[in-house]
N, C-alpha and C. Protein backbone atom coordinates (compact mmCIF):
# COMPACT_ATOMS: atom_id res chain seq x y z
N UNK A 1 0.84 -1.19 0.00
CA UNK A 1 0.00 0.00 0.00
C UNK A 1 0.88 1.25 0.00
N UNK A 2 0.61 2.16 -0.93
CA UNK A 2 1.41 3.37 -1.05
C UNK A 2 0.72 4.59 -0.43
N UNK A 3 -0.63 4.56 -0.44
CA UNK A 3 -1.40 5.72 0.05
C UNK A 3 -2.62 5.25 0.83
N UNK A 4 -2.86 5.93 1.95
CA UNK A 4 -4.06 5.63 2.74
C UNK A 4 -4.62 6.91 3.35
N UNK A 5 -5.91 7.12 3.16
CA UNK A 5 -6.63 8.23 3.79
C UNK A 5 -7.58 7.68 4.82
N UNK A 6 -7.54 8.25 6.02
CA UNK A 6 -8.36 7.76 7.12
C UNK A 6 -9.22 8.89 7.68
N UNK A 7 -10.53 8.72 7.59
CA UNK A 7 -11.53 9.60 8.21
C UNK A 7 -11.25 11.08 7.91
N UNK A 8 -11.08 11.38 6.64
CA UNK A 8 -10.77 12.75 6.23
C UNK A 8 -12.02 13.62 6.21
N UNK A 9 -11.94 14.74 6.91
CA UNK A 9 -13.00 15.75 6.90
C UNK A 9 -12.40 17.08 6.44
N UNK A 10 -13.13 17.80 5.59
CA UNK A 10 -12.65 19.11 5.16
C UNK A 10 -13.84 20.04 4.92
N UNK A 11 -13.78 21.22 5.54
CA UNK A 11 -14.84 22.21 5.37
C UNK A 11 -14.21 23.57 5.13
N UNK A 12 -15.00 24.47 4.59
CA UNK A 12 -14.57 25.84 4.34
C UNK A 12 -15.61 26.81 4.89
N UNK A 13 -15.14 27.96 5.33
CA UNK A 13 -16.05 29.00 5.81
C UNK A 13 -16.37 29.97 4.68
N UNK A 14 -17.66 30.17 4.41
CA UNK A 14 -18.11 31.12 3.41
C UNK A 14 -18.77 32.31 4.10
N UNK A 15 -18.45 33.53 3.66
CA UNK A 15 -18.98 34.74 4.33
C UNK A 15 -20.50 34.76 4.47
N UNK A 16 -21.20 34.31 3.44
CA UNK A 16 -22.66 34.40 3.46
C UNK A 16 -23.34 33.11 3.90
N UNK A 17 -22.78 31.99 3.49
CA UNK A 17 -23.46 30.71 3.75
C UNK A 17 -22.91 29.94 4.96
N UNK A 18 -21.85 30.46 5.59
CA UNK A 18 -21.30 29.81 6.75
C UNK A 18 -20.40 28.63 6.40
N UNK A 19 -20.40 27.60 7.23
CA UNK A 19 -19.53 26.44 7.03
C UNK A 19 -20.07 25.53 5.93
N UNK A 20 -19.20 25.22 4.95
CA UNK A 20 -19.55 24.29 3.89
C UNK A 20 -18.72 23.04 4.06
N UNK A 21 -19.40 21.91 4.29
CA UNK A 21 -18.70 20.63 4.41
C UNK A 21 -18.42 20.08 3.02
N UNK A 22 -17.12 20.02 2.64
CA UNK A 22 -16.75 19.59 1.30
C UNK A 22 -16.47 18.09 1.25
N UNK A 23 -15.72 17.60 2.24
CA UNK A 23 -15.39 16.18 2.30
C UNK A 23 -15.83 15.62 3.64
N UNK A 24 -16.47 14.47 3.62
CA UNK A 24 -17.06 13.91 4.84
C UNK A 24 -16.65 12.46 5.02
N UNK A 25 -15.77 12.22 5.98
CA UNK A 25 -15.35 10.86 6.35
C UNK A 25 -14.86 10.05 5.15
N UNK A 26 -13.83 10.59 4.48
CA UNK A 26 -13.24 9.93 3.32
C UNK A 26 -12.23 8.89 3.79
N UNK A 27 -12.42 7.65 3.34
CA UNK A 27 -11.50 6.56 3.66
C UNK A 27 -11.19 5.78 2.39
N UNK A 28 -9.93 5.64 2.05
CA UNK A 28 -9.56 4.76 0.95
C UNK A 28 -8.06 4.50 0.97
N UNK A 29 -7.66 3.47 0.25
CA UNK A 29 -6.24 3.14 0.15
C UNK A 29 -5.92 2.77 -1.30
N UNK A 30 -4.66 2.97 -1.67
CA UNK A 30 -4.20 2.71 -3.03
C UNK A 30 -2.92 1.90 -2.95
N UNK A 31 -2.85 0.84 -3.72
CA UNK A 31 -1.63 0.02 -3.77
C UNK A 31 -0.62 0.62 -4.75
N UNK A 32 0.63 0.33 -4.54
CA UNK A 32 1.68 0.80 -5.43
C UNK A 32 1.44 0.27 -6.84
N UNK A 33 1.57 1.13 -7.83
CA UNK A 33 1.38 0.75 -9.22
C UNK A 33 -0.06 0.77 -9.69
N UNK A 34 -0.99 1.13 -8.82
CA UNK A 34 -2.41 1.13 -9.15
C UNK A 34 -2.80 2.46 -9.81
N UNK A 35 -3.79 2.42 -10.70
CA UNK A 35 -4.33 3.64 -11.31
C UNK A 35 -5.76 3.83 -10.85
N UNK A 36 -6.06 5.06 -10.40
CA UNK A 36 -7.36 5.37 -9.81
C UNK A 36 -7.91 6.65 -10.44
N UNK A 37 -9.18 6.64 -10.81
CA UNK A 37 -9.85 7.85 -11.29
C UNK A 37 -10.87 8.29 -10.25
N UNK A 38 -10.93 9.60 -10.01
CA UNK A 38 -11.94 10.18 -9.13
C UNK A 38 -12.82 11.07 -9.98
N UNK A 39 -14.11 10.73 -10.04
CA UNK A 39 -15.05 11.48 -10.86
C UNK A 39 -16.06 12.19 -9.96
N UNK A 40 -16.93 12.98 -10.58
CA UNK A 40 -17.94 13.73 -9.84
C UNK A 40 -18.20 15.06 -10.51
N UNK A 41 -19.35 15.65 -10.22
CA UNK A 41 -19.72 16.89 -10.87
C UNK A 41 -18.86 18.05 -10.36
N UNK A 42 -18.88 19.16 -11.05
CA UNK A 42 -18.13 20.35 -10.64
C UNK A 42 -18.58 20.79 -9.24
N UNK A 43 -17.62 21.09 -8.39
CA UNK A 43 -17.93 21.52 -7.03
C UNK A 43 -18.13 20.38 -6.05
N UNK A 44 -17.89 19.15 -6.49
CA UNK A 44 -18.09 18.00 -5.60
C UNK A 44 -16.94 17.79 -4.63
N UNK A 45 -15.82 18.50 -4.86
CA UNK A 45 -14.68 18.39 -3.93
C UNK A 45 -13.51 17.61 -4.48
N UNK A 46 -13.53 17.28 -5.78
CA UNK A 46 -12.47 16.46 -6.36
C UNK A 46 -11.10 17.14 -6.26
N UNK A 47 -11.04 18.39 -6.65
CA UNK A 47 -9.76 19.11 -6.61
C UNK A 47 -9.31 19.33 -5.17
N UNK A 48 -10.26 19.57 -4.27
CA UNK A 48 -9.92 19.69 -2.84
C UNK A 48 -9.28 18.40 -2.33
N UNK A 49 -9.86 17.27 -2.70
CA UNK A 49 -9.31 15.98 -2.28
C UNK A 49 -7.91 15.79 -2.84
N UNK A 50 -7.71 16.14 -4.10
CA UNK A 50 -6.39 16.00 -4.72
C UNK A 50 -5.37 16.91 -4.02
N UNK A 51 -5.80 18.10 -3.64
CA UNK A 51 -4.90 19.03 -2.94
C UNK A 51 -4.48 18.49 -1.58
N UNK A 52 -5.39 17.80 -0.91
CA UNK A 52 -5.05 17.19 0.38
C UNK A 52 -4.05 16.05 0.20
N UNK A 53 -4.28 15.23 -0.81
CA UNK A 53 -3.36 14.11 -1.08
C UNK A 53 -1.98 14.64 -1.43
N UNK A 54 -1.94 15.78 -2.14
CA UNK A 54 -0.67 16.39 -2.55
C UNK A 54 0.03 17.12 -1.42
N UNK A 55 -0.64 17.27 -0.29
CA UNK A 55 -0.04 18.02 0.81
C UNK A 55 -0.06 19.52 0.60
N UNK A 56 -0.89 19.99 -0.34
CA UNK A 56 -1.00 21.43 -0.59
C UNK A 56 -1.97 22.08 0.39
N UNK A 57 -2.78 21.26 1.03
CA UNK A 57 -3.72 21.71 2.06
C UNK A 57 -3.83 20.61 3.09
N UNK A 58 -4.36 20.92 4.25
CA UNK A 58 -4.51 19.93 5.31
C UNK A 58 -5.97 19.73 5.65
N UNK A 59 -6.36 18.50 6.00
CA UNK A 59 -7.74 18.23 6.38
C UNK A 59 -8.05 18.81 7.76
N UNK A 60 -9.32 18.97 8.06
CA UNK A 60 -9.72 19.40 9.41
C UNK A 60 -9.42 18.29 10.42
N UNK A 61 -9.74 17.06 10.02
CA UNK A 61 -9.43 15.89 10.85
C UNK A 61 -9.06 14.74 9.93
N UNK A 62 -8.40 13.74 10.49
CA UNK A 62 -8.04 12.55 9.73
C UNK A 62 -6.55 12.45 9.47
N UNK A 63 -6.16 11.40 8.77
CA UNK A 63 -4.75 11.14 8.47
C UNK A 63 -4.58 10.84 6.98
N UNK A 64 -3.45 11.31 6.44
CA UNK A 64 -3.07 11.01 5.07
C UNK A 64 -1.67 10.39 5.12
N UNK A 65 -1.59 9.11 4.82
CA UNK A 65 -0.33 8.37 4.89
C UNK A 65 0.17 8.08 3.48
N UNK A 66 1.34 8.60 3.14
CA UNK A 66 1.95 8.35 1.83
C UNK A 66 3.32 7.75 2.05
N UNK A 67 3.53 6.56 1.50
CA UNK A 67 4.79 5.85 1.64
C UNK A 67 5.18 5.72 3.11
N UNK A 68 4.17 5.49 3.96
CA UNK A 68 4.39 5.26 5.38
C UNK A 68 4.54 6.51 6.22
N UNK A 69 4.47 7.70 5.60
CA UNK A 69 4.63 8.96 6.33
C UNK A 69 3.29 9.70 6.43
N UNK A 70 3.01 10.28 7.59
CA UNK A 70 1.77 11.02 7.81
C UNK A 70 1.97 12.48 7.43
N UNK A 71 1.37 12.90 6.31
CA UNK A 71 1.53 14.27 5.85
C UNK A 71 0.98 15.28 6.85
N UNK A 72 -0.04 14.88 7.61
CA UNK A 72 -0.69 15.81 8.52
C UNK A 72 0.16 16.15 9.75
N UNK A 73 1.21 15.40 9.99
CA UNK A 73 2.07 15.64 11.15
C UNK A 73 3.37 16.34 10.79
N UNK A 74 3.56 16.64 9.50
CA UNK A 74 4.81 17.26 9.07
C UNK A 74 4.77 18.78 9.22
N UNK A 75 5.93 19.35 9.53
CA UNK A 75 6.07 20.80 9.50
C UNK A 75 6.15 21.24 8.03
N UNK A 76 5.93 22.53 7.79
CA UNK A 76 5.81 23.01 6.42
C UNK A 76 7.07 22.73 5.60
N UNK A 77 8.25 22.94 6.19
CA UNK A 77 9.48 22.69 5.42
C UNK A 77 9.68 21.20 5.14
N UNK A 78 9.29 20.34 6.08
CA UNK A 78 9.36 18.90 5.86
C UNK A 78 8.40 18.48 4.75
N UNK A 79 7.20 19.04 4.81
CA UNK A 79 6.18 18.70 3.83
C UNK A 79 6.58 19.14 2.43
N UNK A 80 7.16 20.32 2.31
CA UNK A 80 7.60 20.83 1.01
C UNK A 80 8.67 19.91 0.41
N UNK A 81 9.62 19.49 1.22
CA UNK A 81 10.67 18.60 0.76
C UNK A 81 10.12 17.24 0.38
N UNK A 82 9.24 16.71 1.22
CA UNK A 82 8.62 15.40 0.97
C UNK A 82 7.83 15.44 -0.33
N UNK A 83 7.06 16.50 -0.53
CA UNK A 83 6.25 16.65 -1.73
C UNK A 83 7.12 16.72 -2.98
N UNK A 84 8.22 17.46 -2.89
CA UNK A 84 9.11 17.61 -4.04
C UNK A 84 9.75 16.30 -4.45
N UNK A 85 9.99 15.42 -3.49
CA UNK A 85 10.65 14.15 -3.75
C UNK A 85 9.69 13.01 -4.12
N UNK A 86 8.48 13.07 -3.58
CA UNK A 86 7.60 11.90 -3.65
C UNK A 86 6.38 12.06 -4.54
N UNK A 87 6.00 13.31 -4.88
CA UNK A 87 4.74 13.53 -5.58
C UNK A 87 4.97 14.32 -6.86
N UNK A 88 4.48 13.77 -7.97
CA UNK A 88 4.48 14.49 -9.25
C UNK A 88 3.07 14.94 -9.55
N UNK A 89 2.92 16.18 -10.06
CA UNK A 89 1.59 16.72 -10.32
C UNK A 89 1.45 17.19 -11.76
N UNK A 90 0.32 16.88 -12.37
CA UNK A 90 -0.01 17.31 -13.73
C UNK A 90 -1.32 18.08 -13.66
N UNK A 91 -1.35 19.27 -14.27
CA UNK A 91 -2.51 20.14 -14.18
C UNK A 91 -3.16 20.34 -15.55
N UNK A 92 -4.43 20.74 -15.53
CA UNK A 92 -5.15 21.02 -16.77
C UNK A 92 -4.52 22.18 -17.53
N UNK A 93 -4.05 23.20 -16.80
CA UNK A 93 -3.50 24.40 -17.44
C UNK A 93 -1.98 24.35 -17.59
N UNK A 94 -1.38 23.19 -17.45
CA UNK A 94 0.04 22.91 -17.66
C UNK A 94 0.94 23.50 -16.57
N UNK A 95 0.78 24.81 -16.26
CA UNK A 95 1.59 25.48 -15.24
C UNK A 95 3.10 25.37 -15.51
N UNK A 96 3.47 25.56 -16.75
CA UNK A 96 4.89 25.60 -17.11
C UNK A 96 5.42 27.01 -16.91
N UNK A 97 6.74 27.13 -16.73
CA UNK A 97 7.38 28.44 -16.63
C UNK A 97 7.49 29.00 -18.04
N UNK A 98 6.83 30.13 -18.35
CA UNK A 98 6.74 30.61 -19.73
C UNK A 98 8.06 31.04 -20.36
N UNK A 99 9.03 31.44 -19.51
CA UNK A 99 10.31 31.91 -20.04
C UNK A 99 11.35 30.80 -20.17
N UNK A 100 10.99 29.58 -19.77
CA UNK A 100 11.91 28.45 -19.86
C UNK A 100 11.56 27.57 -21.04
N UNK A 101 12.56 26.95 -21.64
CA UNK A 101 12.33 26.01 -22.73
C UNK A 101 11.75 24.71 -22.20
N UNK A 102 11.32 23.85 -23.11
CA UNK A 102 10.81 22.54 -22.71
C UNK A 102 11.85 21.79 -21.87
N UNK A 103 13.08 21.77 -22.32
CA UNK A 103 14.16 21.12 -21.58
C UNK A 103 14.32 21.72 -20.20
N UNK A 104 14.32 23.04 -20.11
CA UNK A 104 14.54 23.72 -18.83
C UNK A 104 13.36 23.48 -17.88
N UNK A 105 12.14 23.44 -18.40
CA UNK A 105 10.98 23.15 -17.55
C UNK A 105 11.07 21.74 -16.97
N UNK A 106 11.49 20.79 -17.80
CA UNK A 106 11.61 19.41 -17.32
C UNK A 106 12.72 19.26 -16.30
N UNK A 107 13.82 19.95 -16.51
CA UNK A 107 14.97 19.80 -15.61
C UNK A 107 14.82 20.58 -14.31
N UNK A 108 13.88 21.54 -14.27
CA UNK A 108 13.76 22.43 -13.11
C UNK A 108 13.63 21.70 -11.77
N UNK A 109 12.75 20.68 -11.64
CA UNK A 109 12.65 19.99 -10.35
C UNK A 109 13.97 19.35 -9.93
N UNK A 110 14.73 18.82 -10.89
CA UNK A 110 16.02 18.20 -10.58
C UNK A 110 17.04 19.24 -10.15
N UNK A 111 16.99 20.41 -10.78
CA UNK A 111 17.89 21.50 -10.42
C UNK A 111 17.61 21.97 -8.99
N UNK A 112 16.33 22.11 -8.67
CA UNK A 112 15.95 22.57 -7.33
C UNK A 112 16.40 21.58 -6.27
N UNK A 113 16.27 20.28 -6.58
CA UNK A 113 16.65 19.23 -5.63
C UNK A 113 18.15 18.91 -5.67
N UNK A 114 18.87 19.61 -6.59
CA UNK A 114 20.33 19.41 -6.72
C UNK A 114 20.67 17.93 -6.94
N UNK A 115 19.99 17.30 -7.88
CA UNK A 115 20.22 15.90 -8.16
C UNK A 115 21.30 15.72 -9.22
N UNK A 116 21.74 14.48 -9.40
CA UNK A 116 22.83 14.16 -10.32
C UNK A 116 22.30 13.73 -11.69
N UNK A 117 23.20 13.72 -12.67
CA UNK A 117 22.92 13.21 -14.01
C UNK A 117 21.70 13.88 -14.66
N UNK A 118 21.58 15.17 -14.45
CA UNK A 118 20.39 15.89 -14.93
C UNK A 118 20.30 15.85 -16.45
N UNK A 119 21.41 16.13 -17.14
CA UNK A 119 21.37 16.17 -18.60
C UNK A 119 20.93 14.82 -19.18
N UNK A 120 21.51 13.74 -18.68
CA UNK A 120 21.16 12.41 -19.19
C UNK A 120 19.70 12.08 -18.92
N UNK A 121 19.23 12.38 -17.73
CA UNK A 121 17.85 12.06 -17.35
C UNK A 121 16.84 12.85 -18.19
N UNK A 122 17.16 14.12 -18.45
CA UNK A 122 16.27 14.94 -19.26
C UNK A 122 16.28 14.47 -20.71
N UNK A 123 17.46 14.10 -21.22
CA UNK A 123 17.55 13.56 -22.58
C UNK A 123 16.66 12.32 -22.73
N UNK A 124 16.72 11.44 -21.76
CA UNK A 124 15.93 10.21 -21.80
C UNK A 124 14.43 10.52 -21.75
N UNK A 125 14.06 11.49 -20.92
CA UNK A 125 12.65 11.83 -20.79
C UNK A 125 12.12 12.51 -22.06
N UNK A 126 12.92 13.37 -22.65
CA UNK A 126 12.52 14.03 -23.90
C UNK A 126 12.27 13.00 -25.00
N UNK A 127 13.10 11.96 -25.01
CA UNK A 127 12.92 10.90 -26.00
C UNK A 127 11.63 10.13 -25.75
N UNK A 128 11.33 9.87 -24.47
CA UNK A 128 10.13 9.13 -24.12
C UNK A 128 8.86 9.86 -24.54
N UNK A 129 8.87 11.19 -24.43
CA UNK A 129 7.67 11.95 -24.77
C UNK A 129 7.69 12.45 -26.21
N UNK A 130 8.74 12.12 -26.95
CA UNK A 130 8.81 12.46 -28.37
C UNK A 130 9.01 13.93 -28.66
N UNK A 131 9.76 14.64 -27.81
CA UNK A 131 9.95 16.08 -28.00
C UNK A 131 11.42 16.48 -28.07
N UNK A 132 12.28 15.55 -28.41
CA UNK A 132 13.71 15.88 -28.51
C UNK A 132 13.94 17.04 -29.48
N UNK A 133 13.20 17.03 -30.59
CA UNK A 133 13.41 18.06 -31.61
C UNK A 133 12.75 19.39 -31.26
N UNK A 134 11.99 19.43 -30.16
CA UNK A 134 11.31 20.66 -29.73
C UNK A 134 11.82 21.14 -28.37
N UNK A 135 12.90 20.57 -27.90
CA UNK A 135 13.35 20.81 -26.53
C UNK A 135 13.76 22.25 -26.24
N UNK A 136 14.14 23.00 -27.28
CA UNK A 136 14.61 24.38 -27.05
C UNK A 136 13.52 25.42 -27.32
N UNK A 137 12.27 24.98 -27.43
CA UNK A 137 11.15 25.88 -27.62
C UNK A 137 10.51 26.21 -26.27
N UNK A 138 10.08 27.46 -26.11
CA UNK A 138 9.35 27.86 -24.90
C UNK A 138 7.87 27.50 -25.08
N UNK A 139 7.08 27.48 -23.99
CA UNK A 139 5.68 27.05 -24.08
C UNK A 139 4.85 27.77 -25.15
N UNK A 140 5.08 29.05 -25.36
CA UNK A 140 4.31 29.80 -26.36
C UNK A 140 4.56 29.30 -27.77
N UNK A 141 5.67 28.61 -27.97
CA UNK A 141 6.02 28.08 -29.29
C UNK A 141 5.57 26.63 -29.47
N UNK A 142 4.93 26.07 -28.45
CA UNK A 142 4.49 24.68 -28.48
C UNK A 142 2.97 24.60 -28.52
N UNK A 143 2.46 23.50 -29.05
CA UNK A 143 1.01 23.28 -29.06
C UNK A 143 0.55 22.87 -27.66
N UNK A 144 -0.78 22.84 -27.47
CA UNK A 144 -1.31 22.41 -26.18
C UNK A 144 -0.89 21.01 -25.82
N UNK A 145 -0.94 20.11 -26.81
CA UNK A 145 -0.53 18.74 -26.55
C UNK A 145 0.94 18.62 -26.21
N UNK A 146 1.77 19.42 -26.88
CA UNK A 146 3.21 19.40 -26.59
C UNK A 146 3.48 19.95 -25.19
N UNK A 147 2.76 21.00 -24.80
CA UNK A 147 2.94 21.55 -23.46
C UNK A 147 2.53 20.53 -22.39
N UNK A 148 1.47 19.77 -22.65
CA UNK A 148 1.08 18.77 -21.66
C UNK A 148 2.07 17.62 -21.61
N UNK A 149 2.71 17.31 -22.72
CA UNK A 149 3.79 16.31 -22.71
C UNK A 149 4.94 16.78 -21.82
N UNK A 150 5.28 18.06 -21.95
CA UNK A 150 6.34 18.62 -21.10
C UNK A 150 5.93 18.56 -19.64
N UNK A 151 4.67 18.88 -19.35
CA UNK A 151 4.19 18.85 -17.97
C UNK A 151 4.23 17.44 -17.39
N UNK A 152 3.87 16.45 -18.21
CA UNK A 152 3.94 15.06 -17.77
C UNK A 152 5.39 14.66 -17.49
N UNK A 153 6.27 15.06 -18.38
CA UNK A 153 7.70 14.74 -18.20
C UNK A 153 8.25 15.39 -16.95
N UNK A 154 7.86 16.64 -16.70
CA UNK A 154 8.33 17.35 -15.50
C UNK A 154 7.86 16.63 -14.23
N UNK A 155 6.63 16.11 -14.26
CA UNK A 155 6.09 15.41 -13.10
C UNK A 155 6.80 14.07 -12.86
N UNK A 156 7.19 13.40 -13.95
CA UNK A 156 7.80 12.07 -13.84
C UNK A 156 9.30 12.11 -13.63
N UNK A 157 9.95 13.21 -13.95
CA UNK A 157 11.41 13.27 -13.95
C UNK A 157 12.00 13.02 -12.56
N UNK A 158 11.24 13.31 -11.51
CA UNK A 158 11.75 13.11 -10.15
C UNK A 158 11.54 11.67 -9.68
N UNK A 159 10.98 10.81 -10.56
CA UNK A 159 10.62 9.43 -10.22
C UNK A 159 9.79 9.39 -8.93
N UNK A 160 8.61 10.04 -8.95
CA UNK A 160 7.80 10.14 -7.73
C UNK A 160 7.17 8.82 -7.32
N UNK A 161 6.83 8.72 -6.05
CA UNK A 161 6.09 7.55 -5.57
C UNK A 161 4.64 7.62 -6.04
N UNK A 162 4.12 8.85 -6.19
CA UNK A 162 2.72 9.06 -6.52
C UNK A 162 2.60 10.14 -7.58
N UNK A 163 1.79 9.86 -8.60
CA UNK A 163 1.52 10.83 -9.66
C UNK A 163 0.07 11.25 -9.55
N UNK A 164 -0.15 12.58 -9.45
CA UNK A 164 -1.48 13.14 -9.35
C UNK A 164 -1.79 13.94 -10.61
N UNK A 165 -2.96 13.74 -11.18
CA UNK A 165 -3.34 14.45 -12.41
C UNK A 165 -4.72 15.07 -12.23
N UNK A 166 -4.81 16.38 -12.43
CA UNK A 166 -6.07 17.11 -12.29
C UNK A 166 -6.56 17.50 -13.69
N UNK A 167 -7.54 16.76 -14.20
CA UNK A 167 -8.10 17.00 -15.55
C UNK A 167 -6.98 17.14 -16.59
N UNK A 168 -6.11 16.14 -16.74
CA UNK A 168 -4.93 16.28 -17.59
C UNK A 168 -5.23 16.48 -19.08
N UNK A 169 -6.44 16.12 -19.52
CA UNK A 169 -6.80 16.33 -20.93
C UNK A 169 -7.90 17.37 -21.09
N UNK A 170 -8.27 18.03 -19.99
CA UNK A 170 -9.41 18.95 -20.00
C UNK A 170 -9.22 20.19 -20.84
N UNK A 171 -7.98 20.56 -21.12
CA UNK A 171 -7.70 21.77 -21.88
C UNK A 171 -7.33 21.47 -23.33
N UNK A 172 -7.58 20.23 -23.76
CA UNK A 172 -7.16 19.79 -25.09
C UNK A 172 -8.35 19.33 -25.90
N UNK A 173 -8.24 19.39 -27.24
CA UNK A 173 -9.28 18.83 -28.08
C UNK A 173 -9.29 17.31 -27.94
N UNK A 174 -10.36 16.67 -28.40
CA UNK A 174 -10.55 15.24 -28.17
C UNK A 174 -9.40 14.40 -28.73
N UNK A 175 -8.99 14.69 -29.95
CA UNK A 175 -7.94 13.88 -30.58
C UNK A 175 -6.62 14.02 -29.83
N UNK A 176 -6.25 15.28 -29.51
CA UNK A 176 -5.00 15.50 -28.77
C UNK A 176 -5.10 14.91 -27.37
N UNK A 177 -6.27 15.08 -26.74
CA UNK A 177 -6.48 14.52 -25.40
C UNK A 177 -6.31 13.01 -25.38
N UNK A 178 -6.80 12.34 -26.40
CA UNK A 178 -6.65 10.88 -26.48
C UNK A 178 -5.19 10.48 -26.60
N UNK A 179 -4.43 11.24 -27.38
CA UNK A 179 -3.00 10.96 -27.54
C UNK A 179 -2.26 11.18 -26.22
N UNK A 180 -2.59 12.25 -25.52
CA UNK A 180 -1.94 12.53 -24.23
C UNK A 180 -2.30 11.46 -23.21
N UNK A 181 -3.56 11.04 -23.19
CA UNK A 181 -3.98 9.99 -22.26
C UNK A 181 -3.22 8.69 -22.54
N UNK A 182 -3.07 8.35 -23.83
CA UNK A 182 -2.34 7.14 -24.21
C UNK A 182 -0.89 7.22 -23.75
N UNK A 183 -0.27 8.40 -23.94
CA UNK A 183 1.11 8.59 -23.49
C UNK A 183 1.21 8.47 -21.97
N UNK A 184 0.29 9.10 -21.26
CA UNK A 184 0.33 9.08 -19.80
C UNK A 184 0.21 7.66 -19.26
N UNK A 185 -0.76 6.91 -19.73
CA UNK A 185 -0.96 5.54 -19.24
C UNK A 185 0.21 4.64 -19.65
N UNK A 186 0.77 4.89 -20.82
CA UNK A 186 1.92 4.10 -21.26
C UNK A 186 3.12 4.33 -20.34
N UNK A 187 3.39 5.59 -20.01
CA UNK A 187 4.51 5.91 -19.14
C UNK A 187 4.28 5.39 -17.72
N UNK A 188 3.04 5.52 -17.24
CA UNK A 188 2.70 5.04 -15.89
C UNK A 188 2.94 3.53 -15.79
N UNK A 189 2.53 2.81 -16.85
CA UNK A 189 2.70 1.35 -16.85
C UNK A 189 4.17 0.96 -16.93
N UNK A 190 4.90 1.59 -17.87
CA UNK A 190 6.30 1.24 -18.07
C UNK A 190 7.15 1.55 -16.84
N UNK A 191 6.83 2.64 -16.15
CA UNK A 191 7.63 3.05 -14.99
C UNK A 191 6.99 2.62 -13.68
N UNK A 192 5.91 1.83 -13.76
CA UNK A 192 5.24 1.27 -12.59
C UNK A 192 4.89 2.35 -11.56
N UNK A 193 4.23 3.41 -12.03
CA UNK A 193 3.86 4.52 -11.16
C UNK A 193 2.43 4.34 -10.65
N UNK A 194 2.18 4.90 -9.49
CA UNK A 194 0.84 4.96 -8.93
C UNK A 194 0.20 6.27 -9.40
N UNK A 195 -0.99 6.18 -9.98
CA UNK A 195 -1.65 7.36 -10.55
C UNK A 195 -3.02 7.56 -9.92
N UNK A 196 -3.27 8.79 -9.47
CA UNK A 196 -4.62 9.20 -9.07
C UNK A 196 -5.01 10.37 -9.96
N UNK A 197 -6.11 10.21 -10.67
CA UNK A 197 -6.53 11.20 -11.65
C UNK A 197 -7.93 11.71 -11.34
N UNK A 198 -8.09 13.02 -11.33
CA UNK A 198 -9.40 13.65 -11.25
C UNK A 198 -9.83 13.98 -12.67
N UNK A 199 -11.03 13.55 -13.06
CA UNK A 199 -11.48 13.82 -14.42
C UNK A 199 -13.00 13.80 -14.52
N UNK A 200 -13.53 14.64 -15.45
CA UNK A 200 -14.95 14.57 -15.82
C UNK A 200 -15.16 13.56 -16.94
N UNK A 201 -14.06 13.17 -17.58
CA UNK A 201 -14.11 12.32 -18.77
C UNK A 201 -14.24 10.85 -18.35
N UNK A 202 -15.44 10.30 -18.50
CA UNK A 202 -15.69 8.93 -18.05
C UNK A 202 -14.97 7.91 -18.91
N UNK A 203 -14.76 8.23 -20.19
CA UNK A 203 -13.99 7.33 -21.06
C UNK A 203 -12.55 7.23 -20.56
N UNK A 204 -11.98 8.37 -20.17
CA UNK A 204 -10.64 8.41 -19.61
C UNK A 204 -10.60 7.68 -18.27
N UNK A 205 -11.60 7.94 -17.44
CA UNK A 205 -11.67 7.30 -16.11
C UNK A 205 -11.70 5.78 -16.22
N UNK A 206 -12.43 5.27 -17.22
CA UNK A 206 -12.57 3.82 -17.37
C UNK A 206 -11.27 3.11 -17.73
N UNK A 207 -10.25 3.88 -18.11
CA UNK A 207 -8.95 3.28 -18.40
C UNK A 207 -8.17 2.99 -17.12
N UNK A 208 -8.66 3.52 -16.00
CA UNK A 208 -8.01 3.27 -14.71
C UNK A 208 -8.52 1.96 -14.11
N UNK A 209 -7.74 1.40 -13.20
CA UNK A 209 -8.11 0.13 -12.57
C UNK A 209 -9.26 0.29 -11.59
N UNK A 210 -9.34 1.47 -10.97
CA UNK A 210 -10.44 1.76 -10.06
C UNK A 210 -11.05 3.10 -10.44
N UNK A 211 -12.37 3.22 -10.32
CA UNK A 211 -13.07 4.48 -10.55
C UNK A 211 -13.94 4.77 -9.34
N UNK A 212 -13.71 5.91 -8.69
CA UNK A 212 -14.49 6.32 -7.53
C UNK A 212 -15.24 7.59 -7.86
N UNK A 213 -16.47 7.70 -7.37
CA UNK A 213 -17.28 8.90 -7.59
C UNK A 213 -17.43 9.66 -6.29
N UNK A 214 -17.12 10.94 -6.36
CA UNK A 214 -17.27 11.81 -5.19
C UNK A 214 -18.60 12.54 -5.30
N UNK A 215 -19.46 12.33 -4.31
CA UNK A 215 -20.81 12.91 -4.35
C UNK A 215 -21.22 13.30 -2.96
N UNK A 216 -21.63 14.57 -2.81
CA UNK A 216 -22.08 15.10 -1.51
C UNK A 216 -21.04 14.83 -0.41
N UNK A 217 -19.78 15.00 -0.78
CA UNK A 217 -18.71 14.88 0.19
C UNK A 217 -18.26 13.48 0.52
N UNK A 218 -18.91 12.48 -0.08
CA UNK A 218 -18.57 11.09 0.19
C UNK A 218 -18.07 10.39 -1.05
N UNK A 219 -17.23 9.40 -0.87
CA UNK A 219 -16.62 8.69 -1.98
C UNK A 219 -17.25 7.31 -2.10
N UNK A 220 -17.67 6.97 -3.33
CA UNK A 220 -18.30 5.69 -3.51
C UNK A 220 -17.92 5.04 -4.82
């Protein structure tokens, strides 16, 4: 087991409506190498749940155990370091650095962590995503599909224990989205990564080994 959530509760205070309960007693576990899709309508709490798993936010109550470590008990500097080493994230809007080339965006996490063999590792990743010939282009010079390939490579370059994807094809046309999904699942399988994906796309969700629906704060 790589990830376990125990009795997770999360609420937010709204100025006019008061306390809004977003997540209610969430419990689940994920085995290493497993692929999981989380579906649900807009506002159901999917992105909130993903943010908690990523350690970007903390639950009101409960425990989040990743690779045997409790994220809820870590200090902020510990959590930041743990997240940088263990969790790769892919977003709908790519979130690439606009002034950096594809190569530089992919290598950035390794540079920050001061890791070894950066050039070789980036070369290998560029080949895997089929962008060796586009490596010196900045995001504005790349298509949406190419930018998402770079974002996937950036997330995988640190060899994370857990890969999180928030609507990874949501900003792409259907044909490009299908190609990106195929690439993502291919890389996840070849590198034996654990994937948790939030998506509205039920066709995409069905490619995962497990599909969970978040509804009224509960997971089913």
